[in-house]
């Protein structure tokens, strides 16, 4: 067999292997739901209005018990100073989340929490947060129920 014939045969073998690889990917077996459950991204329902959306993954922050949710802050949206009744934990999954730790609202005095950062908001401590130029997606975990108290004046907020 000459060089051209060998190249042609190798090309056919390579194409056949690629075709088998594609078929194997299409034939993945779904896990038994009594062993493993999951929610694919395209099935998650983002809920909410204004500058924030959320997906409940486990539990409910408004009810007793542990909860986990995804929270998406849309660009240009910030909360006003407030505090919560319980401690909450966040992992920044994508984008940047800007956080301020004061009862005085001033977006210029926020700190950028970038993708990969782990953040804890302590119970009873004033803060405000949000997104500036890009959305921020956060993985939030805590124990409910959570009560949020707005600061009408900076002196209303515990420091």
C-alpha atoms as a PDB file:
ATOM      1  CA  UNK A   1       0.000   0.000   0.000  1.00  0.00           C
ATOM      2  CA  UNK A   2       1.430   3.368  -0.964  1.00  0.00           C
ATOM      3  CA  UNK A   3       1.569   6.479   1.230  1.00  0.00           C
ATOM      4  CA  UNK A   4      -1.675   7.902  -0.207  1.00  0.00           C
ATOM      5  CA  UNK A   5      -3.509   4.627   0.474  1.00  0.00           C
ATOM      6  CA  UNK A   6      -2.254   4.517   4.087  1.00  0.00           C
ATOM      7  CA  UNK A   7      -3.331   8.120   4.672  1.00  0.00           C
ATOM      8  CA  UNK A   8      -6.769   7.384   3.249  1.00  0.00           C
ATOM      9  CA  UNK A   9      -7.178   4.293   5.477  1.00  0.00           C
ATOM     10  CA  UNK A  10      -6.033   6.212   8.573  1.00  0.00           C
ATOM     11  CA  UNK A  11      -8.515   8.953   7.749  1.00  0.00           C
ATOM     12  CA  UNK A  12     -11.350   6.416   7.518  1.00  0.00           C
ATOM     13  CA  UNK A  13     -10.349   4.861  10.865  1.00  0.00           C
ATOM     14  CA  UNK A  14     -10.184   8.329  12.468  1.00  0.00           C
ATOM     15  CA  UNK A  15     -13.655   9.239  11.137  1.00  0.00           C
ATOM     16  CA  UNK A  16     -15.065   5.947  12.395  1.00  0.00           C
ATOM     17  CA  UNK A  17     -13.596   6.577  15.868  1.00  0.00           C
ATOM     18  CA  UNK A  18     -15.033  10.096  15.937  1.00  0.00           C
ATOM     19  CA  UNK A  19     -18.427   8.715  14.991  1.00  0.00           C
ATOM     20  CA  UNK A  20     -18.274   6.113  17.780  1.00  0.00           C
ATOM     21  CA  UNK A  21     -17.218   8.793  20.257  1.00  0.00           C
ATOM     22  CA  UNK A  22     -20.232  10.935  19.305  1.00  0.00           C
ATOM     23  CA  UNK A  23     -22.586   7.984  19.652  1.00  0.00           C
ATOM     24  CA  UNK A  24     -21.236   7.137  23.105  1.00  0.00           C
ATOM     25  CA  UNK A  25     -21.799  10.730  24.283  1.00  0.00           C
ATOM     26  CA  UNK A  26     -25.399  10.629  23.103  1.00  0.00           C
ATOM     27  CA  UNK A  27     -26.039   7.382  24.979  1.00  0.00           C
ATOM     28  CA  UNK A  28     -25.187   8.407  28.553  1.00  0.00           C
ATOM     29  CA  UNK A  29     -27.387   6.630  31.066  1.00  0.00           C
ATOM     30  CA  UNK A  30     -29.442   8.859  33.362  1.00  0.00           C
ATOM     31  CA  UNK A  31     -28.789   8.156  37.041  1.00  0.00           C
ATOM     32  CA  UNK A  32     -31.439   6.241  38.965  1.00  0.00           C
ATOM     33  CA  UNK A  33     -33.429   9.015  40.749  1.00  0.00           C
ATOM     34  CA  UNK A  34     -33.557   6.909  43.914  1.00  0.00           C
ATOM     35  CA  UNK A  35     -29.733   7.224  43.996  1.00  0.00           C
ATOM     36  CA  UNK A  36     -29.012  10.623  42.427  1.00  0.00           C
ATOM     37  CA  UNK A  37     -31.243  13.587  41.658  1.00  0.00           C
ATOM     38  CA  UNK A  38     -30.196  16.688  39.755  1.00  0.00           C
ATOM     39  CA  UNK A  39     -31.468  19.846  38.114  1.00  0.00           C
ATOM     40  CA  UNK A  40     -29.868  20.711  34.789  1.00  0.00           C
ATOM     41  CA  UNK A  41     -29.315  24.458  34.248  1.00  0.00           C
ATOM     42  CA  UNK A  42     -31.960  24.643  31.531  1.00  0.00           C
ATOM     43  CA  UNK A  43     -34.612  23.343  33.975  1.00  0.00           C
ATOM     44  CA  UNK A  44     -33.893  25.880  36.713  1.00  0.00           C
ATOM     45  CA  UNK A  45     -36.518  28.603  37.062  1.00  0.00           C
ATOM     46  CA  UNK A  46     -35.131  32.023  37.971  1.00  0.00           C
ATOM     47  CA  UNK A  47     -37.709  33.974  39.992  1.00  0.00           C
ATOM     48  CA  UNK A  48     -37.864  37.526  41.280  1.00  0.00           C
ATOM     49  CA  UNK A  49     -38.312  41.101  40.230  1.00  0.00           C
ATOM     50  CA  UNK A  50     -36.165  44.184  40.074  1.00  0.00           C
ATOM     51  CA  UNK A  51     -32.407  43.769  40.145  1.00  0.00           C
ATOM     52  CA  UNK A  52     -32.233  40.301  41.682  1.00  0.00           C
ATOM     53  CA  UNK A  53     -33.308  36.804  40.610  1.00  0.00           C
ATOM     54  CA  UNK A  54     -33.053  33.510  42.489  1.00  0.00           C
ATOM     55  CA  UNK A  55     -33.369  29.756  42.085  1.00  0.00           C
ATOM     56  CA  UNK A  56     -34.277  27.664  45.136  1.00  0.00           C
ATOM     57  CA  UNK A  57     -32.046  24.592  45.178  1.00  0.00           C
ATOM     58  CA  UNK A  58     -32.841  23.261  48.664  1.00  0.00           C
ATOM     59  CA  UNK A  59     -35.300  24.413  51.308  1.00  0.00           C
ATOM     60  CA  UNK A  60     -36.708  27.922  51.579  1.00  0.00           C
ATOM     61  CA  UNK A  61     -35.038  30.930  53.235  1.00  0.00           C
ATOM     62  CA  UNK A  62     -38.424  32.078  54.558  1.00  0.00           C
ATOM     63  CA  UNK A  63     -39.070  28.797  56.406  1.00  0.00           C
ATOM     64  CA  UNK A  64     -37.297  26.994  59.276  1.00  0.00           C
ATOM     65  CA  UNK A  65     -34.336  24.854  58.282  1.00  0.00           C
ATOM     66  CA  UNK A  66     -31.334  24.893  55.974  1.00  0.00           C
ATOM     67  CA  UNK A  67     -31.628  26.359  52.505  1.00  0.00           C
ATOM     68  CA  UNK A  68     -29.454  26.756  49.426  1.00  0.00           C
ATOM     69  CA  UNK A  69     -30.214  29.028  46.518  1.00  0.00           C
ATOM     70  CA  UNK A  70     -28.581  30.698  43.556  1.00  0.00           C
ATOM     71  CA  UNK A  71     -28.901  34.480  43.527  1.00  0.00           C
ATOM     72  CA  UNK A  72     -28.240  36.593  40.446  1.00  0.00           C
ATOM     73  CA  UNK A  73     -27.649  40.321  40.846  1.00  0.00           C
ATOM     74  CA  UNK A  74     -28.267  42.202  37.609  1.00  0.00           C
ATOM     75  CA  UNK A  75     -25.903  45.034  36.564  1.00  0.00           C
ATOM     76  CA  UNK A  76     -26.587  48.430  38.108  1.00  0.00           C
ATOM     77  CA  UNK A  77     -28.573  47.102  41.076  1.00  0.00           C
ATOM     78  CA  UNK A  78     -27.679  47.477  44.744  1.00  0.00           C
ATOM     79  CA  UNK A  79     -29.578  46.829  47.920  1.00  0.00           C
ATOM     80  CA  UNK A  80     -29.831  49.604  50.490  1.00  0.00           C
ATOM     81  CA  UNK A  81     -28.324  49.191  53.980  1.00  0.00           C
ATOM     82  CA  UNK A  82     -30.016  46.443  55.982  1.00  0.00           C
ATOM     83  CA  UNK A  83     -29.261  43.539  58.299  1.00  0.00           C
ATOM     84  CA  UNK A  84     -30.476  39.978  58.727  1.00  0.00           C
ATOM     85  CA  UNK A  85     -31.553  37.827  61.653  1.00  0.00           C
ATOM     86  CA  UNK A  86     -29.301  34.908  60.675  1.00  0.00           C
ATOM     87  CA  UNK A  87     -25.801  34.410  59.286  1.00  0.00           C
ATOM     88  CA  UNK A  88     -25.597  33.613  55.577  1.00  0.00           C
ATOM     89  CA  UNK A  89     -22.754  32.192  53.470  1.00  0.00           C
ATOM     90  CA  UNK A  90     -22.023  32.934  49.812  1.00  0.00           C
ATOM     91  CA  UNK A  91     -19.713  31.543  47.139  1.00  0.00           C
ATOM     92  CA  UNK A  92     -19.310  33.812  44.098  1.00  0.00           C
ATOM     93  CA  UNK A  93     -19.968  31.451  41.167  1.00  0.00           C
ATOM     94  CA  UNK A  94     -19.505  34.057  38.422  1.00  0.00           C
ATOM     95  CA  UNK A  95     -19.061  37.773  37.919  1.00  0.00           C
ATOM     96  CA  UNK A  96     -18.431  40.275  40.692  1.00  0.00           C
ATOM     97  CA  UNK A  97     -20.583  41.033  43.742  1.00  0.00           C
ATOM     98  CA  UNK A  98     -19.905  44.389  45.404  1.00  0.00           C
ATOM     99  CA  UNK A  99     -20.253  44.489  49.213  1.00  0.00           C
ATOM    100  CA  UNK A 100     -20.363  47.394  51.667  1.00  0.00           C
ATOM    101  CA  UNK A 101     -20.375  46.991  55.464  1.00  0.00           C
ATOM    102  CA  UNK A 102     -22.089  50.107  56.712  1.00  0.00           C
ATOM    103  CA  UNK A 103     -25.468  51.578  57.504  1.00  0.00           C
ATOM    104  CA  UNK A 104     -24.612  54.456  55.161  1.00  0.00           C
ATOM    105  CA  UNK A 105     -25.328  53.746  51.497  1.00  0.00           C
ATOM    106  CA  UNK A 106     -22.333  54.589  49.312  1.00  0.00           C
ATOM    107  CA  UNK A 107     -21.607  52.288  46.328  1.00  0.00           C
ATOM    108  CA  UNK A 108     -18.158  53.914  45.986  1.00  0.00           C
ATOM    109  CA  UNK A 109     -17.271  52.305  49.345  1.00  0.00           C
ATOM    110  CA  UNK A 110     -18.010  48.723  48.282  1.00  0.00           C
ATOM    111  CA  UNK A 111     -15.442  45.966  47.809  1.00  0.00           C
ATOM    112  CA  UNK A 112     -15.434  43.636  44.772  1.00  0.00           C
ATOM    113  CA  UNK A 113     -16.024  39.984  45.634  1.00  0.00           C
ATOM    114  CA  UNK A 114     -14.860  38.221  42.486  1.00  0.00           C
ATOM    115  CA  UNK A 115     -15.557  34.735  41.127  1.00  0.00           C
ATOM    116  CA  UNK A 116     -14.288  32.092  43.552  1.00  0.00           C
ATOM    117  CA  UNK A 117     -14.573  34.245  46.688  1.00  0.00           C
ATOM    118  CA  UNK A 118     -16.330  32.915  49.820  1.00  0.00           C
ATOM    119  CA  UNK A 119     -18.260  35.535  51.838  1.00  0.00           C
ATOM    120  CA  UNK A 120     -20.080  35.426  55.190  1.00  0.00           C
ATOM    121  CA  UNK A 121     -22.707  37.986  56.149  1.00  0.00           C
ATOM    122  CA  UNK A 122     -22.953  37.901  59.929  1.00  0.00           C
ATOM    123  CA  UNK A 123     -26.334  38.113  61.662  1.00  0.00           C
ATOM    124  CA  UNK A 124     -27.298  41.546  62.959  1.00  0.00           C
ATOM    125  CA  UNK A 125     -24.565  43.443  61.058  1.00  0.00           C
ATOM    126  CA  UNK A 126     -25.326  46.220  58.580  1.00  0.00           C
ATOM    127  CA  UNK A 127     -24.405  45.775  54.937  1.00  0.00           C
ATOM    128  CA  UNK A 128     -25.486  46.519  51.370  1.00  0.00           C
ATOM    129  CA  UNK A 129     -24.478  44.787  48.172  1.00  0.00           C
ATOM    130  CA  UNK A 130     -25.158  44.301  44.493  1.00  0.00           C
ATOM    131  CA  UNK A 131     -23.781  44.370  40.967  1.00  0.00           C
ATOM    132  CA  UNK A 132     -22.186  47.254  39.109  1.00  0.00           C
ATOM    133  CA  UNK A 133     -21.103  46.654  35.482  1.00  0.00           C
ATOM    134  CA  UNK A 134     -21.654  42.895  35.211  1.00  0.00           C
ATOM    135  CA  UNK A 135     -24.053  40.363  36.718  1.00  0.00           C
ATOM    136  CA  UNK A 136     -22.957  38.415  39.774  1.00  0.00           C
ATOM    137  CA  UNK A 137     -24.188  34.892  40.452  1.00  0.00           C
ATOM    138  CA  UNK A 138     -23.914  33.702  44.047  1.00  0.00           C
ATOM    139  CA  UNK A 139     -24.385  30.340  45.709  1.00  0.00           C
ATOM    140  CA  UNK A 140     -26.072  31.179  49.034  1.00  0.00           C
ATOM    141  CA  UNK A 141     -26.528  28.861  52.021  1.00  0.00           C
ATOM    142  CA  UNK A 142     -28.004  29.489  55.448  1.00  0.00           C
ATOM    143  CA  UNK A 143     -30.670  28.524  57.944  1.00  0.00           C
ATOM    144  CA  UNK A 144     -34.123  30.070  57.741  1.00  0.00           C
ATOM    145  CA  UNK A 145     -36.259  31.777  58.400  1.00  0.00           C
ATOM    146  CA  UNK A 146     -34.418  34.976  57.558  1.00  0.00           C
ATOM    147  CA  UNK A 147     -35.783  38.348  58.584  1.00  0.00           C
ATOM    148  CA  UNK A 148     -34.338  41.352  56.779  1.00  0.00           C
ATOM    149  CA  UNK A 149     -34.507  44.752  58.474  1.00  0.00           C
ATOM    150  CA  UNK A 150     -33.898  47.923  56.439  1.00  0.00           C
ATOM    151  CA  UNK A 151     -31.946  50.822  57.907  1.00  0.00           C
ATOM    152  CA  UNK A 152     -34.036  53.970  57.559  1.00  0.00           C
ATOM    153  CA  UNK A 153     -31.156  56.016  58.994  1.00  0.00           C
ATOM    154  CA  UNK A 154     -27.517  54.955  59.510  1.00  0.00           C
ATOM    155  CA  UNK A 155     -28.145  55.074  63.269  1.00  0.00           C
ATOM    156  CA  UNK A 156     -30.873  52.396  62.822  1.00  0.00           C
ATOM    157  CA  UNK A 157     -28.284  49.816  61.790  1.00  0.00           C
ATOM    158  CA  UNK A 158     -26.135  47.822  64.185  1.00  0.00           C
ATOM    159  CA  UNK A 159     -22.468  48.379  63.477  1.00  0.00           C
END
